[in-house]
Amino acid sequence: MTNFVQEGRMVTTTAPSNVTSGQYVVVGAIRGVAAFDAAQGEPVELATEGVFTLPKVAADNIAAGDLLYWNGTACTKVPGSGSRPLVGVAIKPAGNGVATVNVKLGVHGLTGPA
């Protein structure tokens, strides 16, 4: 294929702010986990697929299979009427008081509530 660019599991974009390796990053409709530290305005590689441990809203009681959304700082079960992008799906439960959740990114075909 002469028009193939890359697989897309890792994409390079511009860091919207200072980011650290492992941080969930939102750049418009591009979402992923930073592969390395990058200063604002510098190139950063984002993993757009895979399972990652990400911060969660401590009060959320998350079950395996729950869709998770990004509230700007953590994953939550609350979609926020379209203002919170879909992160992925929880692969393990993470109860009230737990600070992180294992999330499968790149869940194709899932858009969450309308």
C-alpha atoms as a PDB file:
ATOM      1  CA  MET A   1       0.000   0.000   0.000  1.00  0.00           C
ATOM      2  CA  THR A   2       1.611   3.191  -1.085  1.00  0.00           C
ATOM      3  CA  ASN A   3      -0.622   5.295   1.187  1.00  0.00           C
ATOM      4  CA  PHE A   4       0.123   3.453   4.489  1.00  0.00           C
ATOM      5  CA  VAL A   5       1.602   5.781   7.122  1.00  0.00           C
ATOM      6  CA  GLN A   6       1.804   3.782  10.383  1.00  0.00           C
ATOM      7  CA  GLU A   7      -0.086   1.243  12.524  1.00  0.00           C
ATOM      8  CA  GLY A   8      -1.451   3.910  14.842  1.00  0.00           C
ATOM      9  CA  ARG A   9      -0.840   2.190  18.169  1.00  0.00           C
ATOM     10  CA  MET A  10       1.616   4.988  18.909  1.00  0.00           C
ATOM     11  CA  VAL A  11       1.104   8.453  17.458  1.00  0.00           C
ATOM     12  CA  THR A  12       3.261  11.553  17.662  1.00  0.00           C
ATOM     13  CA  THR A  13       1.539  14.821  18.465  1.00  0.00           C
ATOM     14  CA  THR A  14       2.369  18.110  20.179  1.00  0.00           C
ATOM     15  CA  ALA A  15       2.216  18.147  23.973  1.00  0.00           C
ATOM     16  CA  PRO A  16      -0.629  20.486  25.018  1.00  0.00           C
ATOM     17  CA  SER A  17       1.123  21.127  28.351  1.00  0.00           C
ATOM     18  CA  ASN A  18       4.102  19.648  30.190  1.00  0.00           C
ATOM     19  CA  VAL A  19       3.458  15.892  30.316  1.00  0.00           C
ATOM     20  CA  THR A  20       5.149  13.033  32.123  1.00  0.00           C
ATOM     21  CA  SER A  21       5.632   9.459  31.020  1.00  0.00           C
ATOM     22  CA  GLY A  22       2.486   7.443  31.769  1.00  0.00           C
ATOM     23  CA  GLN A  23       0.195  10.483  31.911  1.00  0.00           C
ATOM     24  CA  TYR A  24      -3.141  10.345  30.061  1.00  0.00           C
ATOM     25  CA  VAL A  25      -3.129  13.138  27.476  1.00  0.00           C
ATOM     26  CA  VAL A  26      -5.966  14.688  25.452  1.00  0.00           C
ATOM     27  CA  VAL A  27      -5.114  16.637  22.290  1.00  0.00           C
ATOM     28  CA  GLY A  28      -8.422  17.449  20.613  1.00  0.00           C
ATOM     29  CA  ALA A  29      -9.846  14.076  19.558  1.00  0.00           C
ATOM     30  CA  ILE A  30      -6.456  12.343  20.011  1.00  0.00           C
ATOM     31  CA  ARG A  31      -6.203  10.561  23.356  1.00  0.00           C
ATOM     32  CA  GLY A  32      -3.494   8.336  24.758  1.00  0.00           C
ATOM     33  CA  VAL A  33      -0.811   7.671  27.338  1.00  0.00           C
ATOM     34  CA  ALA A  34       2.489   9.560  27.048  1.00  0.00           C
ATOM     35  CA  ALA A  35       5.453   7.309  26.284  1.00  0.00           C
ATOM     36  CA  PHE A  36       7.938   9.838  27.715  1.00  0.00           C
ATOM     37  CA  ASP A  37       8.166  13.263  29.352  1.00  0.00           C
ATOM     38  CA  ALA A  38       7.670  16.246  27.044  1.00  0.00           C
ATOM     39  CA  ALA A  39       7.504  19.995  27.515  1.00  0.00           C
ATOM     40  CA  GLN A  40       4.508  21.958  26.256  1.00  0.00           C
ATOM     41  CA  GLY A  41       4.742  22.445  22.491  1.00  0.00           C
ATOM     42  CA  GLU A  42       7.261  19.633  22.011  1.00  0.00           C
ATOM     43  CA  PRO A  43       6.569  16.338  20.196  1.00  0.00           C
ATOM     44  CA  VAL A  44       5.260  13.524  22.391  1.00  0.00           C
ATOM     45  CA  GLU A  45       4.396   9.939  21.508  1.00  0.00           C
ATOM     46  CA  LEU A  46       1.066   8.654  22.777  1.00  0.00           C
ATOM     47  CA  ALA A  47       0.019   5.026  23.096  1.00  0.00           C
ATOM     48  CA  THR A  48      -3.543   4.856  21.799  1.00  0.00           C
ATOM     49  CA  GLU A  49      -4.089   1.151  22.467  1.00  0.00           C
ATOM     50  CA  GLY A  50      -3.296  -1.207  25.309  1.00  0.00           C
ATOM     51  CA  VAL A  51      -4.115  -1.577  29.002  1.00  0.00           C
ATOM     52  CA  PHE A  52      -2.844   1.078  31.406  1.00  0.00           C
ATOM     53  CA  THR A  53      -3.222   1.867  35.091  1.00  0.00           C
ATOM     54  CA  LEU A  54      -4.699   5.362  35.263  1.00  0.00           C
ATOM     55  CA  PRO A  55      -5.922   7.603  38.081  1.00  0.00           C
ATOM     56  CA  LYS A  56      -9.621   7.363  38.912  1.00  0.00           C
ATOM     57  CA  VAL A  57     -12.119   9.355  40.929  1.00  0.00           C
ATOM     58  CA  ALA A  58     -11.633   7.749  44.351  1.00  0.00           C
ATOM     59  CA  ALA A  59     -15.367   7.794  45.158  1.00  0.00           C
ATOM     60  CA  ASP A  60     -16.340   5.860  41.993  1.00  0.00           C
ATOM     61  CA  ASN A  61     -17.141   2.186  42.442  1.00  0.00           C
ATOM     62  CA  ILE A  62     -16.025   0.762  39.088  1.00  0.00           C
ATOM     63  CA  ALA A  63     -16.848  -2.742  37.864  1.00  0.00           C
ATOM     64  CA  ALA A  64     -15.031  -4.660  35.153  1.00  0.00           C
ATOM     65  CA  GLY A  65     -16.619  -3.681  31.854  1.00  0.00           C
ATOM     66  CA  ASP A  66     -17.643  -0.160  32.886  1.00  0.00           C
ATOM     67  CA  LEU A  67     -17.021   2.563  30.309  1.00  0.00           C
ATOM     68  CA  LEU A  68     -14.703   5.238  31.689  1.00  0.00           C
ATOM     69  CA  TYR A  69     -14.457   8.926  30.814  1.00  0.00           C
ATOM     70  CA  TRP A  70     -11.764  11.551  31.436  1.00  0.00           C
ATOM     71  CA  ASN A  71     -12.748  14.445  33.730  1.00  0.00           C
ATOM     72  CA  GLY A  72      -9.491  16.344  33.163  1.00  0.00           C
ATOM     73  CA  THR A  73      -7.552  14.654  35.957  1.00  0.00           C
ATOM     74  CA  ALA A  74      -8.949  11.134  36.408  1.00  0.00           C
ATOM     75  CA  CYS A  75     -11.166   8.396  34.996  1.00  0.00           C
ATOM     76  CA  THR A  76     -14.809   8.404  36.024  1.00  0.00           C
ATOM     77  CA  LYS A  77     -17.974   6.472  35.233  1.00  0.00           C
ATOM     78  CA  VAL A  78     -19.838   9.773  34.745  1.00  0.00           C
ATOM     79  CA  PRO A  79     -19.880  10.834  31.060  1.00  0.00           C
ATOM     80  CA  GLY A  80     -20.627  14.508  31.813  1.00  0.00           C
ATOM     81  CA  SER A  81     -23.088  15.089  28.922  1.00  0.00           C
ATOM     82  CA  GLY A  82     -20.482  14.827  26.164  1.00  0.00           C
ATOM     83  CA  SER A  83     -17.865  17.018  27.820  1.00  0.00           C
ATOM     84  CA  ARG A  84     -15.770  14.087  29.002  1.00  0.00           C
ATOM     85  CA  PRO A  85     -14.016  12.008  26.341  1.00  0.00           C
ATOM     86  CA  LEU A  86     -14.288   8.230  26.453  1.00  0.00           C
ATOM     87  CA  VAL A  87     -11.033   6.735  27.757  1.00  0.00           C
ATOM     88  CA  GLY A  88     -11.892   3.059  27.408  1.00  0.00           C
ATOM     89  CA  VAL A  89     -13.250   0.197  29.466  1.00  0.00           C
ATOM     90  CA  ALA A  90     -12.283  -1.009  32.954  1.00  0.00           C
ATOM     91  CA  ILE A  91     -10.808  -4.503  32.868  1.00  0.00           C
ATOM     92  CA  LYS A  92     -10.785  -5.027  36.646  1.00  0.00           C
ATOM     93  CA  PRO A  93     -12.977  -3.702  39.451  1.00  0.00           C
ATOM     94  CA  ALA A  94     -11.735  -0.654  41.371  1.00  0.00           C
ATOM     95  CA  GLY A  95     -13.855   0.178  44.393  1.00  0.00           C
ATOM     96  CA  ASN A  96     -14.577   3.268  46.417  1.00  0.00           C
ATOM     97  CA  GLY A  97     -11.368   4.633  47.931  1.00  0.00           C
ATOM     98  CA  VAL A  98      -9.111   3.078  45.277  1.00  0.00           C
ATOM     99  CA  ALA A  99      -7.018   5.704  43.444  1.00  0.00           C
ATOM    100  CA  THR A 100      -6.331   3.846  40.158  1.00  0.00           C
ATOM    101  CA  VAL A 101      -8.043   1.600  37.634  1.00  0.00           C
ATOM    102  CA  ASN A 102      -6.790  -0.653  34.836  1.00  0.00           C
ATOM    103  CA  VAL A 103      -8.227   0.645  31.554  1.00  0.00           C
ATOM    104  CA  LYS A 104      -8.243  -0.845  28.049  1.00  0.00           C
ATOM    105  CA  LEU A 105      -7.676   2.038  25.635  1.00  0.00           C
ATOM    106  CA  GLY A 106      -8.661   1.979  21.990  1.00  0.00           C
ATOM    107  CA  VAL A 107     -12.054   0.352  22.468  1.00  0.00           C
ATOM    108  CA  HIS A 108     -13.241   0.576  18.874  1.00  0.00           C
ATOM    109  CA  GLY A 109     -16.931   1.008  18.237  1.00  0.00           C
ATOM    110  CA  LEU A 110     -17.787   2.182  21.745  1.00  0.00           C
ATOM    111  CA  THR A 111     -18.916   5.767  22.103  1.00  0.00           C
ATOM    112  CA  GLY A 112     -20.755   5.698  25.404  1.00  0.00           C
ATOM    113  CA  PRO A 113     -24.073   7.372  26.160  1.00  0.00           C
ATOM    114  CA  ALA A 114     -25.457   9.861  23.645  1.00  0.00           C
END
